[in-house]
C-alpha atoms as a PDB file:
ATOM      1  CA  MET A   1      90.247  95.801 105.085  1.00  0.00           C
ATOM      2  CA  THR A   2      92.209  96.965 107.236  1.00  0.00           C
ATOM      3  CA  LEU A   3      96.186  96.930 107.672  1.00  0.00           C
ATOM      4  CA  THR A   4      97.907  96.616 110.948  1.00  0.00           C
ATOM      5  CA  ILE A   5     101.592  97.931 111.041  1.00  0.00           C
ATOM      6  CA  ARG A   6     102.066  94.752 112.804  1.00  0.00           C
ATOM      7  CA  GLU A   7     100.656  92.732 109.517  1.00  0.00           C
ATOM      8  CA  PHE A   8     102.541  94.882 107.390  1.00  0.00           C
ATOM      9  CA  GLN A   9     105.888  94.338 109.519  1.00  0.00           C
ATOM     10  CA  GLU A  10     105.558  90.878 109.011  1.00  0.00           C
ATOM     11  CA  PHE A  11     104.477  90.903 105.536  1.00  0.00           C
ATOM     12  CA  ILE A  12     107.555  93.133 104.443  1.00  0.00           C
ATOM     13  CA  ARG A  13     109.510  90.142 106.704  1.00  0.00           C
ATOM     14  CA  ASP A  14     108.285  87.345 104.994  1.00  0.00           C
ATOM     15  CA  LYS A  15     108.294  88.262 101.455  1.00  0.00           C
ATOM     16  CA  TYR A  16     112.085  90.238 102.380  1.00  0.00           C
ATOM     17  CA  TYR A  17     114.094  88.887 105.053  1.00  0.00           C
ATOM     18  CA  GLU A  18     116.555  86.543 103.366  1.00  0.00           C
ATOM     19  CA  THR A  19     117.015  89.456 101.018  1.00  0.00           C
ATOM     20  CA  ASP A  20     117.378  92.342 103.290  1.00  0.00           C
ATOM     21  CA  ALA A  21     119.441  90.607 105.855  1.00  0.00           C
ATOM     22  CA  ALA A  22     122.083  89.635 104.061  1.00  0.00           C
ATOM     23  CA  ARG A  23     122.452  92.794 102.493  1.00  0.00           C
ATOM     24  CA  GLY A  24     122.728  94.259 106.070  1.00  0.00           C
ATOM     25  CA  ILE A  25     121.440  97.697 107.741  1.00  0.00           C
ATOM     26  CA  ALA A  26     123.728 100.001 106.104  1.00  0.00           C
ATOM     27  CA  PRO A  27     123.376  99.300 101.967  1.00  0.00           C
ATOM     28  CA  THR A  28     119.742  98.904 103.426  1.00  0.00           C
ATOM     29  CA  PHE A  29     119.298 102.563 105.219  1.00  0.00           C
ATOM     30  CA  MET A  30     120.771 103.957 101.805  1.00  0.00           C
ATOM     31  CA  TRP A  31     117.921 102.195 100.075  1.00  0.00           C
ATOM     32  CA  PHE A  32     115.827 104.320 102.918  1.00  0.00           C
ATOM     33  CA  MET A  33     117.523 107.499 102.595  1.00  0.00           C
ATOM     34  CA  GLU A  34     117.056 106.922  99.076  1.00  0.00           C
ATOM     35  CA  GLU A  35     113.012 106.515  98.959  1.00  0.00           C
ATOM     36  CA  ILE A  36     113.306 109.508 101.275  1.00  0.00           C
ATOM     37  CA  GLY A  37     114.605 111.314  98.884  1.00  0.00           C
ATOM     38  CA  GLU A  38     112.399 109.995  96.494  1.00  0.00           C
ATOM     39  CA  LEU A  39     109.244 111.179  98.802  1.00  0.00           C
ATOM     40  CA  ALA A  40     110.693 114.573  99.112  1.00  0.00           C
ATOM     41  CA  THR A  41     110.663 115.163  95.674  1.00  0.00           C
ATOM     42  CA  GLY A  42     106.634 113.901  95.221  1.00  0.00           C
ATOM     43  CA  LEU A  43     105.664 115.701  97.962  1.00  0.00           C
ATOM     44  CA  MET A  44     106.471 118.816  95.736  1.00  0.00           C
ATOM     45  CA  GLY A  45     104.634 117.887  93.186  1.00  0.00           C
ATOM     46  CA  ASP A  46     101.233 117.160  92.044  1.00  0.00           C
ATOM     47  CA  ASP A  47     100.662 113.437  91.524  1.00  0.00           C
ATOM     48  CA  PHE A  48      98.881 111.960  94.564  1.00  0.00           C
ATOM     49  CA  ALA A  49      99.541 108.376  93.343  1.00  0.00           C
ATOM     50  CA  ASN A  50     103.513 109.489  93.224  1.00  0.00           C
ATOM     51  CA  LYS A  51     102.646 110.684  96.760  1.00  0.00           C
ATOM     52  CA  GLU A  52     100.834 107.480  97.924  1.00  0.00           C
ATOM     53  CA  GLU A  53     103.483 104.988  96.457  1.00  0.00           C
ATOM     54  CA  GLU A  54     105.966 107.154  97.693  1.00  0.00           C
ATOM     55  CA  PHE A  55     104.715 107.224 101.073  1.00  0.00           C
ATOM     56  CA  ALA A  56     104.304 103.299 101.324  1.00  0.00           C
ATOM     57  CA  ASP A  57     107.639 102.620  99.569  1.00  0.00           C
ATOM     58  CA  VAL A  58     109.118 104.705 102.410  1.00  0.00           C
ATOM     59  CA  ILE A  59     107.254 102.828 105.327  1.00  0.00           C
ATOM     60  CA  ALA A  60     107.723  99.804 103.703  1.00  0.00           C
ATOM     61  CA  TRP A  61     111.805 100.164 104.166  1.00  0.00           C
ATOM     62  CA  LEU A  62     111.270 101.668 107.279  1.00  0.00           C
ATOM     63  CA  CYS A  63     109.845  97.959 108.414  1.00  0.00           C
ATOM     64  CA  THR A  64     113.039  96.388 106.626  1.00  0.00           C
ATOM     65  CA  LEU A  65     114.991  98.500 108.745  1.00  0.00           C
ATOM     66  CA  ALA A  66     113.131  97.545 111.594  1.00  0.00           C
ATOM     67  CA  ASN A  67     112.811  93.487 110.688  1.00  0.00           C
ATOM     68  CA  ILE A  68     116.546  93.942 110.361  1.00  0.00           C
ATOM     69  CA  ALA A  69     117.400  95.662 113.672  1.00  0.00           C
ATOM     70  CA  GLU A  70     114.553  93.013 115.613  1.00  0.00           C
ATOM     71  CA  VAL A  71     112.725  96.434 115.851  1.00  0.00           C
ATOM     72  CA  ASP A  72     109.157  95.317 116.556  1.00  0.00           C
ATOM     73  CA  LEU A  73     107.640  98.675 115.181  1.00  0.00           C
ATOM     74  CA  VAL A  74     104.350  97.782 117.471  1.00  0.00           C
ATOM     75  CA  LYS A  75     105.886  98.102 120.684  1.00  0.00           C
ATOM     76  CA  ALA A  76     108.484 100.650 119.859  1.00  0.00           C
ATOM     77  CA  LEU A  77     105.211 103.038 118.752  1.00  0.00           C
ATOM     78  CA  GLU A  78     103.434 101.959 121.879  1.00  0.00           C
ATOM     79  CA  LYS A  79     106.703 103.470 124.049  1.00  0.00           C
ATOM     80  CA  TYR A  80     106.495 106.471 121.846  1.00  0.00           C
ATOM     81  CA  THR A  81     102.572 106.822 122.140  1.00  0.00           C
ATOM     82  CA  LYS A  82     103.278 106.733 126.615  1.00  0.00           C
ATOM     83  CA  ASN A  83     106.397 109.074 126.166  1.00  0.00           C
ATOM     84  CA  ASP A  84     108.522 106.859 127.237  1.00  0.00           C
ATOM     85  CA  ILE A  85     110.836 107.492 124.282  1.00  0.00           C
ATOM     86  CA  THR A  86     109.800 110.717 122.910  1.00  0.00           C
ATOM     87  CA  GLY A  87     112.025 112.076 125.731  1.00  0.00           C
ATOM     88  CA  VAL A  88     108.684 114.732 126.182  1.00  0.00           C
ATOM     89  CA  LYS A  89     107.388 114.373 129.227  1.00  0.00           C
END
């Protein structure tokens, strides 16, 4: 099975949006940063399964933030690949 970014963002929205929106951007961003910290710790270790889990957590929380900020990650990434938002020409 191949999972697209759009499908994953929609999965996160369908499952968590009500709770995430009620929590708000600032507290959700703090959860995201906690997951970044856990990923950083995981990268220093040898537990591959933990690394996979932490990468997935970071992407899930990024999707959560995008959803409550009303950002379509696919559209944002399409712009990024066209150098429209990277600042690099």
